[in-house]
Amino acid sequence: MPVLSVLWGVALLTAIALSLSWSSSVSYGLARNGVDQAALGALVEAGVNAAIDGLLDARADRRWRADGRLYTLDFNGTRIGIRIQDELGRVDLNQTDEAMLNSLLLSAGLDARAAADLTDKIVDWRTATSLKHLNGAKDRDYTSRNAAYHPRNGPFQSVDELLLVMDMTPSIFARIAPALTVHSGRQFVDPQLAPREVLRALPGVTAQSAEATVAARDGARSGLAEGNPMTVLRGRAFTIRTEFAYASRVVAGEVAVRLTENPQQPYWVLSWGTR
């Protein structure tokens, strides 16, 4: 009997030791993950702050341009690639007309019928009325496909929301997402600020002429704010992309901001993400 008690005691102590070991391992993993996330956040934030400083530089010859060209920053031994995109150069999902949406889908490789059908469904998603376009989709259509949601029947809250639209595939989305925004508030795009995905969708522009436009403006003053940038850029939205190596992988950050006229708080964050 005493031997049995000893064995039970040993078993209990072993179980406690294993439990403590597992708990310590989990705690270490959580702590390590927290440290990694903090480090990644600091690197992305460094890139964002450098971009804002560049946009608002009082020296016009050193001011950064917001047309997607590449800038670099060395931060605590890490080289960060930075690209700034003025949202006025992108197609606003909530403001643009059907013709532009259709043209964008055609430029992404859809045939005329598929582009027209998907355009109708995108417009129906953002439209409050219960009436639908010829090839569109409203609540009943989503229900008939056993979707777990209905169309918003209001403005898109993010570009990613487009993935919920009926018949939108990840492949199509990947091709058109770089051309889209929900932050410009304008119906039309500024071709001097537009990425190639938008240029290719403009009337009369081919893939070749879009590339020529991008190449030509690399040496021009496109994307450069004239005058006092704090005043000129007030209220404008920008997407800042950062890319850097961390722990044997490449990390990409994407932060959308809106500039203010307050030097103490020069911007507001609209969205923040890393992958």
Protein backbone atom coordinates (compact mmCIF):
# COMPACT_ATOMS: atom_id res chain seq x y z
CA MET A 1 0.00 0.00 0.00
CA PRO A 2 2.76 2.55 0.82
CA VAL A 3 4.37 1.66 -2.52
CA LEU A 4 1.10 2.40 -4.34
CA SER A 5 0.83 5.75 -2.59
CA VAL A 6 4.37 6.62 -3.63
CA LEU A 7 3.61 5.69 -7.24
CA TRP A 8 0.49 7.86 -7.21
CA GLY A 9 2.52 10.71 -5.78
CA VAL A 10 5.17 10.37 -8.47
CA ALA A 11 2.48 10.29 -11.17
CA LEU A 12 0.84 13.40 -9.74
CA LEU A 13 4.14 15.29 -9.58
CA THR A 14 4.93 14.25 -13.16
CA ALA A 15 1.54 15.49 -14.36
CA ILE A 16 2.05 18.81 -12.56
CA ALA A 17 5.54 19.17 -14.05
CA LEU A 18 4.27 18.45 -17.56
CA SER A 19 1.41 20.90 -17.08
CA LEU A 20 3.79 23.62 -15.92
CA SER A 21 6.15 22.88 -18.81
CA TRP A 22 3.30 23.10 -21.34
CA SER A 23 2.01 26.29 -19.74
CA SER A 24 5.47 27.84 -19.84
CA SER A 25 5.86 26.85 -23.49
CA VAL A 26 2.51 28.42 -24.38
CA SER A 27 3.33 31.57 -22.43
CA TYR A 28 6.69 31.84 -24.18
CA GLY A 29 5.04 31.35 -27.56
CA LEU A 30 2.46 34.04 -26.83
CA ALA A 31 5.12 36.40 -25.54
CA ARG A 32 7.29 35.76 -28.60
CA ASN A 33 4.35 36.36 -30.91
CA GLY A 34 3.62 39.61 -29.09
CA VAL A 35 7.22 40.73 -29.52
CA ASP A 36 7.13 39.88 -33.24
CA GLN A 37 3.88 41.78 -33.76
CA ALA A 38 5.28 44.81 -31.94
CA ALA A 39 8.44 44.72 -34.06
CA LEU A 40 6.47 44.40 -37.30
CA GLY A 41 4.20 47.25 -36.24
CA ALA A 42 7.19 49.46 -35.49
CA LEU A 43 8.70 48.81 -38.93
CA VAL A 44 5.43 49.51 -40.74
CA GLU A 45 4.92 52.66 -38.68
CA ALA A 46 8.46 53.81 -39.49
CA GLY A 47 7.66 53.46 -43.18
CA VAL A 48 4.37 55.33 -42.81
CA ASN A 49 5.98 58.19 -40.90
CA ALA A 50 8.77 58.45 -43.49
CA ALA A 51 6.15 58.60 -46.25
CA ILE A 52 4.19 61.35 -44.49
CA ASP A 53 7.37 63.34 -43.87
CA GLY A 54 8.27 62.94 -47.54
CA LEU A 55 4.85 64.08 -48.75
CA LEU A 56 4.90 67.13 -46.50
CA ASP A 57 8.55 68.12 -47.04
CA ALA A 58 8.69 71.91 -47.46
CA ARG A 59 11.52 71.49 -49.99
CA ALA A 60 9.81 70.79 -53.30
CA ASP A 61 12.89 69.15 -54.80
CA ARG A 62 12.93 66.58 -51.98
CA ARG A 63 9.20 66.04 -51.68
CA TRP A 64 8.01 62.48 -52.21
CA ARG A 65 5.58 61.70 -55.00
CA ALA A 66 2.38 59.75 -54.58
CA ASP A 67 2.24 57.87 -57.87
CA GLY A 68 3.49 54.49 -56.65
CA ARG A 69 7.21 54.92 -57.25
CA LEU A 70 9.65 53.19 -54.89
CA TYR A 71 11.44 54.90 -52.00
CA THR A 72 13.66 53.19 -49.43
CA LEU A 73 14.41 53.72 -45.75
CA ASP A 74 17.03 52.13 -43.49
CA PHE A 75 15.52 51.74 -40.02
CA ASN A 76 17.55 50.08 -37.26
CA GLY A 77 19.33 47.88 -39.77
CA THR A 78 16.22 46.95 -41.75
CA ARG A 79 15.76 48.19 -45.29
CA ILE A 80 12.15 49.19 -45.91
CA GLY A 81 10.69 49.69 -49.38
CA ILE A 82 7.96 52.36 -49.45
CA ARG A 83 5.38 53.21 -52.12
CA ILE A 84 2.74 55.94 -51.80
CA GLN A 85 -0.44 55.89 -53.87
CA ASP A 86 -2.70 58.94 -53.96
CA GLU A 87 -6.25 57.58 -53.85
CA LEU A 88 -7.30 60.18 -56.43
CA GLY A 89 -5.50 57.95 -58.92
CA ARG A 90 -7.75 55.00 -58.15
CA VAL A 91 -11.32 54.09 -59.04
CA ASP A 92 -13.67 54.76 -56.11
CA LEU A 93 -16.01 51.78 -55.78
CA ASN A 94 -18.79 53.95 -54.39
CA GLN A 95 -18.52 56.93 -56.74
CA THR A 96 -17.51 55.63 -60.16
CA ASP A 97 -20.06 54.96 -62.87
CA GLU A 98 -20.99 51.67 -64.49
CA ALA A 99 -19.00 52.40 -67.64
CA MET A 100 -15.74 52.68 -65.69
CA LEU A 101 -16.43 49.51 -63.70
CA ASN A 102 -17.20 47.65 -66.92
CA SER A 103 -14.04 48.97 -68.57
CA LEU A 104 -11.96 47.91 -65.56
CA LEU A 105 -13.35 44.38 -65.69
CA LEU A 106 -12.73 44.16 -69.44
CA SER A 107 -9.14 45.28 -68.94
CA ALA A 108 -8.78 42.50 -66.35
CA GLY A 109 -9.56 39.89 -69.01
CA LEU A 110 -13.30 39.29 -68.65
CA ASP A 111 -15.34 38.94 -71.83
CA ALA A 112 -18.06 41.49 -72.60
CA ARG A 113 -20.93 39.41 -71.19
CA ALA A 114 -19.15 38.49 -67.95
CA ALA A 115 -17.98 42.08 -67.42
CA ALA A 116 -21.50 43.46 -67.94
CA ASP A 117 -23.04 40.89 -65.58
CA LEU A 118 -20.51 41.50 -62.82
CA THR A 119 -20.82 45.27 -63.21
CA ASP A 120 -24.57 44.96 -62.57
CA LYS A 121 -23.96 42.92 -59.43
CA ILE A 122 -21.37 45.37 -58.07
CA VAL A 123 -23.70 48.32 -58.61
CA ASP A 124 -26.63 46.46 -57.03
CA TRP A 125 -24.53 45.74 -53.94
CA ARG A 126 -23.95 49.44 -53.30
CA THR A 127 -27.42 50.68 -54.32
CA ALA A 128 -30.06 51.20 -51.62
CA THR A 129 -33.10 50.53 -53.79
CA SER A 130 -34.62 47.04 -53.94
CA LEU A 131 -34.76 47.26 -57.73
CA LYS A 132 -32.00 45.39 -59.50
CA HIS A 133 -30.20 45.68 -62.80
CA LEU A 134 -30.90 43.22 -65.62
CA ASN A 135 -28.11 40.86 -64.59
CA GLY A 136 -27.68 42.14 -61.05
CA ALA A 137 -28.35 40.52 -57.68
CA LYS A 138 -30.33 41.59 -54.64
CA ASP A 139 -31.38 39.91 -51.38
CA ARG A 140 -33.47 37.12 -52.94
CA ASP A 141 -30.69 36.16 -55.31
CA TYR A 142 -28.19 35.75 -52.47
CA THR A 143 -30.75 33.76 -50.49
CA SER A 144 -31.35 31.47 -53.47
CA ARG A 145 -27.64 30.65 -53.47
CA ASN A 146 -27.71 29.92 -49.73
CA ALA A 147 -25.36 32.80 -49.01
CA ALA A 148 -24.94 33.55 -45.30
CA TYR A 149 -25.34 37.27 -46.00
CA HIS A 150 -27.26 39.78 -48.09
CA PRO A 151 -25.87 42.64 -50.18
CA ARG A 152 -25.11 45.75 -48.16
CA ASN A 153 -27.46 47.91 -50.26
CA GLY A 154 -25.17 50.78 -49.35
CA PRO A 155 -21.62 52.03 -49.90
CA PHE A 156 -18.74 49.56 -49.81
CA GLN A 157 -16.84 49.90 -46.52
CA SER A 158 -13.63 48.42 -47.94
CA VAL A 159 -12.27 47.11 -51.22
CA ASP A 160 -12.10 43.60 -49.69
CA GLU A 161 -15.90 43.67 -49.34
CA LEU A 162 -16.01 43.25 -53.12
CA LEU A 163 -15.17 39.57 -52.55
CA LEU A 164 -18.69 39.11 -51.16
CA VAL A 165 -20.37 40.23 -54.38
CA MET A 166 -22.03 37.39 -56.25
CA ASP A 167 -19.79 35.90 -58.99
CA MET A 168 -16.72 37.82 -57.85
CA THR A 169 -13.83 35.33 -57.72
CA PRO A 170 -10.49 35.67 -55.90
CA SER A 171 -8.76 35.64 -59.29
CA ILE A 172 -10.78 38.54 -60.69
CA PHE A 173 -10.47 40.42 -57.41
CA ALA A 174 -6.67 40.08 -57.40
CA ARG A 175 -6.53 41.64 -60.88
CA ILE A 176 -8.71 44.67 -60.15
CA ALA A 177 -8.11 45.39 -56.44
CA PRO A 178 -4.94 47.49 -57.03
CA ALA A 179 -7.06 49.87 -59.10
CA LEU A 180 -9.78 50.36 -56.48
CA THR A 181 -10.40 52.47 -53.39
CA VAL A 182 -13.24 53.57 -51.12
CA HIS A 183 -11.41 56.67 -49.91
CA SER A 184 -11.14 59.15 -52.79
CA GLY A 185 -14.75 60.34 -52.77
CA ARG A 186 -14.42 61.27 -56.47
CA GLN A 187 -16.20 59.89 -59.52
CA PHE A 188 -13.22 60.34 -61.81
CA VAL A 189 -9.54 59.45 -61.50
CA ASP A 190 -6.46 61.59 -62.03
CA PRO A 191 -4.45 59.82 -64.77
CA GLN A 192 -1.25 61.52 -63.60
CA LEU A 193 -1.57 59.62 -60.32
CA ALA A 194 -3.16 56.42 -61.59
CA PRO A 195 -1.46 53.01 -61.35
CA ARG A 196 -1.16 51.01 -64.55
CA GLU A 197 -4.25 48.92 -63.65
CA VAL A 198 -6.36 52.09 -63.80
CA LEU A 199 -4.64 53.52 -66.88
CA ARG A 200 -5.40 50.35 -68.84
CA ALA A 201 -9.10 50.78 -68.05
CA LEU A 202 -9.30 54.36 -69.35
CA PRO A 203 -10.94 54.88 -72.77
CA GLY A 204 -8.47 54.69 -75.65
CA VAL A 205 -5.57 53.48 -73.48
CA THR A 206 -3.82 50.22 -74.36
CA ALA A 207 -1.50 48.15 -72.19
CA GLN A 208 1.43 49.51 -74.17
CA SER A 209 0.42 53.15 -73.86
CA ALA A 210 -0.25 52.65 -70.13
CA GLU A 211 3.30 51.39 -69.65
CA ALA A 212 4.63 54.31 -71.70
CA THR A 213 2.72 56.76 -69.50
CA VAL A 214 4.13 55.21 -66.32
CA ALA A 215 7.66 55.31 -67.73
CA ALA A 216 7.32 58.92 -68.90
CA ARG A 217 6.07 60.27 -65.59
CA ASP A 218 8.89 58.60 -63.64
CA GLY A 219 11.08 61.52 -64.66
CA ALA A 220 8.35 64.15 -64.51
CA ARG A 221 6.71 65.96 -61.59
CA SER A 222 3.63 63.76 -61.46
CA GLY A 223 2.36 63.01 -57.98
CA LEU A 224 4.20 66.01 -56.56
CA ALA A 225 2.16 68.49 -54.51
CA GLU A 226 2.79 72.08 -55.54
CA GLY A 227 2.64 74.90 -52.98
CA ASN A 228 2.30 74.31 -49.25
CA PRO A 229 1.75 70.54 -49.05
CA MET A 230 0.05 70.74 -45.64
CA THR A 231 -2.65 72.90 -47.23
CA VAL A 232 -2.76 71.36 -50.70
CA LEU A 233 -3.02 67.78 -49.44
CA ARG A 234 -5.42 68.43 -46.57
CA GLY A 235 -8.23 65.88 -46.59
CA ARG A 236 -6.60 63.73 -49.27
CA ALA A 237 -6.30 59.98 -48.76
CA PHE A 238 -3.19 57.92 -49.52
CA THR A 239 -2.27 54.26 -49.32
CA ILE A 240 1.26 53.61 -48.07
CA ARG A 241 2.76 50.22 -48.84
CA THR A 242 5.83 49.00 -47.00
CA GLU A 243 7.89 45.89 -47.64
CA PHE A 244 10.80 44.48 -45.67
CA ALA A 245 12.47 41.23 -44.61
CA TYR A 246 11.78 39.95 -41.09
CA ALA A 247 12.57 36.55 -39.56
CA SER A 248 13.39 34.94 -42.91
CA ARG A 249 10.23 36.15 -44.62
CA VAL A 250 9.07 39.17 -46.56
CA VAL A 251 6.45 41.27 -44.80
CA ALA A 252 4.16 43.67 -46.65
CA GLY A 253 2.26 46.41 -44.85
CA GLU A 254 -0.60 48.45 -46.30
CA VAL A 255 -1.86 51.49 -44.45
CA ALA A 256 -4.47 53.95 -45.72
CA VAL A 257 -4.32 57.45 -44.20
CA ARG A 258 -6.09 60.77 -44.60
CA LEU A 259 -4.00 63.91 -44.17
CA THR A 260 -4.99 66.78 -41.91
CA GLU A 261 -3.76 70.36 -41.62
CA ASN A 262 -2.61 69.84 -38.04
CA PRO A 263 1.19 69.54 -37.69
CA GLN A 264 0.70 67.81 -34.33
CA GLN A 265 -1.57 65.16 -35.89
CA PRO A 266 -0.76 65.20 -39.61
CA TYR A 267 -2.83 62.16 -40.52
CA TRP A 268 -5.61 59.80 -39.48
CA VAL A 269 -5.34 56.06 -40.09
CA LEU A 270 -8.21 54.70 -42.21
CA SER A 271 -7.03 51.08 -42.36
CA TRP A 272 -3.96 49.09 -41.35
CA GLY A 273 -2.88 45.60 -42.38
CA THR A 274 0.17 43.35 -42.82
CA ARG A 275 0.74 40.05 -44.54
